[in-house]
Amino acid sequence: MRKGSMSRYEAMQAVGRIAVEAVEAENCEFTNRVQTDGDTAVEFSASVAAIDADGDCILTAYYYQDPDILNEVDDFGDLDWQIEGYEIE
């Protein structure tokens, strides 16, 4: 099951524009998480420290790529990096 159930708008409401823009500026990395629902997409994420209504938290942006496309490119920078969603922990 994919992570990142919050939209960009919801994340901004929770932690503010600066934190959302900060996580969007971070380089994402492989998470190495195996999805157990049959979804073959490869998960990447980027995280930053933030503050929500409950105090300190971590804002994470999740990205997903098709494994076949990952095998076809030499430079991951050539891929379309769209954020799937955000989570706050």
N, C-alpha and C. Protein backbone atom coordinates (compact mmCIF):
# COMPACT_ATOMS: atom_id res chain seq x y z
N MET A 1 0.85 -1.17 0.00
CA MET A 1 0.00 0.00 0.00
C MET A 1 0.90 1.24 0.00
N ARG A 2 0.56 2.16 -0.85
CA ARG A 2 1.35 3.38 -0.95
C ARG A 2 1.15 4.28 0.25
N LYS A 3 2.21 4.97 0.60
CA LYS A 3 2.15 5.93 1.70
C LYS A 3 1.93 7.32 1.13
N GLY A 4 1.65 8.25 2.00
CA GLY A 4 1.47 9.63 1.56
C GLY A 4 0.02 9.96 1.28
N SER A 5 -0.82 9.83 2.28
CA SER A 5 -2.26 10.04 2.09
C SER A 5 -2.67 11.51 2.12
N MET A 6 -1.75 12.40 2.52
CA MET A 6 -2.09 13.83 2.58
C MET A 6 -1.76 14.52 1.26
N SER A 7 -2.60 15.45 0.87
CA SER A 7 -2.32 16.26 -0.31
C SER A 7 -1.34 17.38 0.07
N ARG A 8 -0.85 18.08 -0.90
CA ARG A 8 0.04 19.21 -0.65
C ARG A 8 -0.68 20.26 0.18
N TYR A 9 -1.92 20.52 -0.16
CA TYR A 9 -2.72 21.50 0.57
C TYR A 9 -2.87 21.10 2.04
N GLU A 10 -3.19 19.83 2.28
CA GLU A 10 -3.36 19.35 3.66
C GLU A 10 -2.05 19.46 4.44
N ALA A 11 -0.94 19.13 3.78
CA ALA A 11 0.35 19.24 4.44
C ALA A 11 0.65 20.69 4.79
N MET A 12 0.35 21.61 3.88
CA MET A 12 0.57 23.04 4.16
C MET A 12 -0.29 23.51 5.33
N GLN A 13 -1.50 23.03 5.40
CA GLN A 13 -2.38 23.39 6.50
C GLN A 13 -1.82 22.89 7.84
N ALA A 14 -1.18 21.73 7.81
CA ALA A 14 -0.69 21.11 9.04
C ALA A 14 0.65 21.67 9.51
N VAL A 15 1.59 21.90 8.56
CA VAL A 15 2.95 22.30 8.97
C VAL A 15 3.43 23.59 8.33
N GLY A 16 2.66 24.15 7.40
CA GLY A 16 3.03 25.42 6.79
C GLY A 16 3.75 25.27 5.46
N ARG A 17 3.72 26.34 4.71
CA ARG A 17 4.30 26.38 3.36
C ARG A 17 5.80 26.16 3.38
N ILE A 18 6.49 26.75 4.35
CA ILE A 18 7.96 26.66 4.38
C ILE A 18 8.41 25.21 4.53
N ALA A 19 7.77 24.45 5.41
CA ALA A 19 8.14 23.05 5.59
C ALA A 19 7.84 22.23 4.34
N VAL A 20 6.71 22.47 3.71
CA VAL A 20 6.35 21.74 2.49
C VAL A 20 7.35 22.06 1.38
N GLU A 21 7.67 23.30 1.20
CA GLU A 21 8.65 23.66 0.17
C GLU A 21 10.03 23.10 0.50
N ALA A 22 10.37 22.99 1.78
CA ALA A 22 11.65 22.43 2.18
C ALA A 22 11.73 20.94 1.83
N VAL A 23 10.67 20.18 2.11
CA VAL A 23 10.71 18.75 1.78
C VAL A 23 10.70 18.55 0.27
N GLU A 24 10.05 19.41 -0.46
CA GLU A 24 10.03 19.31 -1.91
C GLU A 24 11.41 19.60 -2.52
N ALA A 25 12.22 20.36 -1.82
CA ALA A 25 13.56 20.71 -2.29
C ALA A 25 14.60 19.63 -1.95
N GLU A 26 14.25 18.73 -1.05
CA GLU A 26 15.18 17.66 -0.64
C GLU A 26 15.28 16.60 -1.74
N ASN A 27 16.45 15.99 -1.84
CA ASN A 27 16.61 14.84 -2.72
C ASN A 27 15.93 13.64 -2.09
N CYS A 28 15.22 12.88 -2.89
CA CYS A 28 14.57 11.68 -2.35
C CYS A 28 15.50 10.49 -2.50
N GLU A 29 15.26 9.50 -1.67
CA GLU A 29 16.08 8.28 -1.63
C GLU A 29 15.18 7.06 -1.65
N PHE A 30 15.74 5.92 -2.10
CA PHE A 30 15.01 4.66 -2.00
C PHE A 30 14.62 4.41 -0.55
N THR A 31 13.42 3.91 -0.32
CA THR A 31 13.03 3.54 1.05
C THR A 31 13.32 2.08 1.35
N ASN A 32 13.45 1.26 0.31
CA ASN A 32 13.66 -0.19 0.46
C ASN A 32 12.46 -0.88 1.10
N ARG A 33 11.32 -0.20 1.12
CA ARG A 33 10.11 -0.80 1.69
C ARG A 33 9.44 -1.66 0.62
N VAL A 34 9.11 -2.88 0.95
CA VAL A 34 8.42 -3.78 0.04
C VAL A 34 6.93 -3.66 0.29
N GLN A 35 6.20 -3.41 -0.77
CA GLN A 35 4.75 -3.31 -0.65
C GLN A 35 4.15 -4.71 -0.74
N THR A 36 3.21 -5.01 0.11
CA THR A 36 2.65 -6.36 0.18
C THR A 36 1.29 -6.48 -0.50
N ASP A 37 0.86 -5.42 -1.17
CA ASP A 37 -0.46 -5.46 -1.80
C ASP A 37 -0.40 -5.71 -3.30
N GLY A 38 0.77 -6.13 -3.81
CA GLY A 38 0.90 -6.40 -5.24
C GLY A 38 1.35 -5.20 -6.05
N ASP A 39 1.42 -4.03 -5.47
CA ASP A 39 1.90 -2.83 -6.16
C ASP A 39 3.40 -2.99 -6.36
N THR A 40 3.86 -2.92 -7.60
CA THR A 40 5.28 -3.13 -7.89
C THR A 40 6.08 -1.83 -7.95
N ALA A 41 5.43 -0.70 -7.75
CA ALA A 41 6.14 0.59 -7.82
C ALA A 41 7.24 0.65 -6.77
N VAL A 42 8.34 1.32 -7.13
CA VAL A 42 9.47 1.49 -6.23
C VAL A 42 9.27 2.79 -5.47
N GLU A 43 9.38 2.71 -4.15
CA GLU A 43 9.10 3.86 -3.29
C GLU A 43 10.37 4.65 -2.97
N PHE A 44 10.24 5.97 -3.05
CA PHE A 44 11.28 6.91 -2.66
C PHE A 44 10.65 7.89 -1.69
N SER A 45 11.46 8.49 -0.83
CA SER A 45 10.92 9.51 0.07
C SER A 45 11.99 10.53 0.42
N ALA A 46 11.51 11.67 0.89
CA ALA A 46 12.35 12.73 1.42
C ALA A 46 11.65 13.25 2.66
N SER A 47 12.44 13.63 3.68
CA SER A 47 11.85 14.09 4.95
C SER A 47 12.56 15.32 5.47
N VAL A 48 11.81 16.12 6.22
CA VAL A 48 12.36 17.28 6.93
C VAL A 48 11.68 17.38 8.29
N ALA A 49 12.38 18.01 9.22
CA ALA A 49 11.79 18.31 10.52
C ALA A 49 10.78 19.44 10.33
N ALA A 50 9.69 19.37 11.07
CA ALA A 50 8.65 20.39 10.98
C ALA A 50 7.97 20.53 12.34
N ILE A 51 7.02 21.44 12.40
CA ILE A 51 6.23 21.63 13.62
C ILE A 51 4.76 21.68 13.22
N ASP A 52 3.96 20.82 13.84
CA ASP A 52 2.52 20.85 13.61
C ASP A 52 1.83 21.27 14.90
N ALA A 53 0.52 21.12 14.96
CA ALA A 53 -0.25 21.55 16.13
C ALA A 53 0.16 20.81 17.40
N ASP A 54 0.72 19.61 17.26
CA ASP A 54 1.14 18.82 18.42
C ASP A 54 2.61 19.03 18.78
N GLY A 55 3.32 19.83 18.01
CA GLY A 55 4.74 20.07 18.29
C GLY A 55 5.64 19.56 17.19
N ASP A 56 6.85 19.13 17.58
CA ASP A 56 7.83 18.66 16.61
C ASP A 56 7.33 17.42 15.89
N CYS A 57 7.63 17.35 14.58
CA CYS A 57 7.22 16.21 13.78
C CYS A 57 8.16 16.07 12.59
N ILE A 58 7.94 15.06 11.80
CA ILE A 58 8.68 14.84 10.56
C ILE A 58 7.68 14.86 9.42
N LEU A 59 7.96 15.70 8.42
CA LEU A 59 7.14 15.75 7.20
C LEU A 59 7.86 14.94 6.14
N THR A 60 7.17 13.97 5.56
CA THR A 60 7.75 13.12 4.53
C THR A 60 6.94 13.22 3.25
N ALA A 61 7.66 13.36 2.14
CA ALA A 61 7.04 13.34 0.81
C ALA A 61 7.37 11.99 0.18
N TYR A 62 6.39 11.35 -0.44
CA TYR A 62 6.57 10.05 -1.07
C TYR A 62 6.45 10.15 -2.58
N TYR A 63 7.36 9.45 -3.24
CA TYR A 63 7.42 9.39 -4.70
C TYR A 63 7.40 7.91 -5.09
N TYR A 64 6.83 7.59 -6.23
CA TYR A 64 6.81 6.21 -6.72
C TYR A 64 7.21 6.18 -8.18
N GLN A 65 8.03 5.18 -8.52
CA GLN A 65 8.47 5.01 -9.89
C GLN A 65 8.21 3.57 -10.33
N ASP A 66 7.92 3.41 -11.61
CA ASP A 66 7.72 2.10 -12.20
C ASP A 66 9.07 1.39 -12.28
N PRO A 67 9.19 0.16 -11.80
CA PRO A 67 10.48 -0.53 -11.82
C PRO A 67 11.03 -0.73 -13.23
N ASP A 68 10.17 -0.92 -14.21
CA ASP A 68 10.64 -1.10 -15.59
C ASP A 68 11.31 0.17 -16.11
N ILE A 69 10.75 1.32 -15.77
CA ILE A 69 11.34 2.59 -16.20
C ILE A 69 12.68 2.80 -15.51
N LEU A 70 12.78 2.44 -14.23
CA LEU A 70 14.05 2.59 -13.51
C LEU A 70 15.16 1.79 -14.18
N ASN A 71 14.81 0.64 -14.73
CA ASN A 71 15.80 -0.21 -15.40
C ASN A 71 16.20 0.32 -16.77
N GLU A 72 15.40 1.20 -17.34
CA GLU A 72 15.66 1.71 -18.69
C GLU A 72 16.50 2.98 -18.72
N VAL A 73 16.58 3.71 -17.62
CA VAL A 73 17.29 4.99 -17.64
C VAL A 73 18.67 4.87 -16.99
N ASP A 74 19.59 5.68 -17.49
CA ASP A 74 20.93 5.73 -16.91
C ASP A 74 21.01 6.76 -15.80
N ASP A 75 20.18 7.79 -15.88
CA ASP A 75 20.22 8.89 -14.92
C ASP A 75 18.82 9.08 -14.34
N PHE A 76 18.69 8.82 -13.05
CA PHE A 76 17.38 8.97 -12.42
C PHE A 76 16.88 10.42 -12.48
N GLY A 77 17.77 11.36 -12.70
CA GLY A 77 17.37 12.76 -12.84
C GLY A 77 16.49 13.00 -14.05
N ASP A 78 16.50 12.05 -14.99
CA ASP A 78 15.68 12.18 -16.19
C ASP A 78 14.24 11.74 -15.97
N LEU A 79 13.95 11.17 -14.80
CA LEU A 79 12.60 10.68 -14.51
C LEU A 79 11.67 11.82 -14.11
N ASP A 80 10.38 11.55 -14.21
CA ASP A 80 9.35 12.50 -13.79
C ASP A 80 9.11 12.27 -12.30
N TRP A 81 9.60 13.19 -11.47
CA TRP A 81 9.50 13.06 -10.02
C TRP A 81 8.30 13.84 -9.50
N GLN A 82 7.15 13.21 -9.49
CA GLN A 82 5.92 13.79 -8.96
C GLN A 82 5.67 13.24 -7.56
N ILE A 83 5.37 14.11 -6.63
CA ILE A 83 5.07 13.65 -5.27
C ILE A 83 3.69 13.00 -5.26
N GLU A 84 3.66 11.79 -4.73
CA GLU A 84 2.40 11.04 -4.61
C GLU A 84 1.57 11.59 -3.46
N GLY A 85 2.24 11.93 -2.37
CA GLY A 85 1.54 12.46 -1.20
C GLY A 85 2.51 12.70 -0.06
N TYR A 86 1.97 13.21 1.04
CA TYR A 86 2.76 13.59 2.21
C TYR A 86 2.23 12.87 3.43
N GLU A 87 3.11 12.70 4.41
CA GLU A 87 2.71 12.17 5.72
C GLU A 87 3.44 12.94 6.81
N ILE A 88 2.80 13.02 7.95
CA ILE A 88 3.41 13.66 9.12
C ILE A 88 3.50 12.62 10.22
N GLU A 89 4.69 12.51 10.79
CA GLU A 89 4.91 11.55 11.88
C GLU A 89 5.41 12.30 13.09
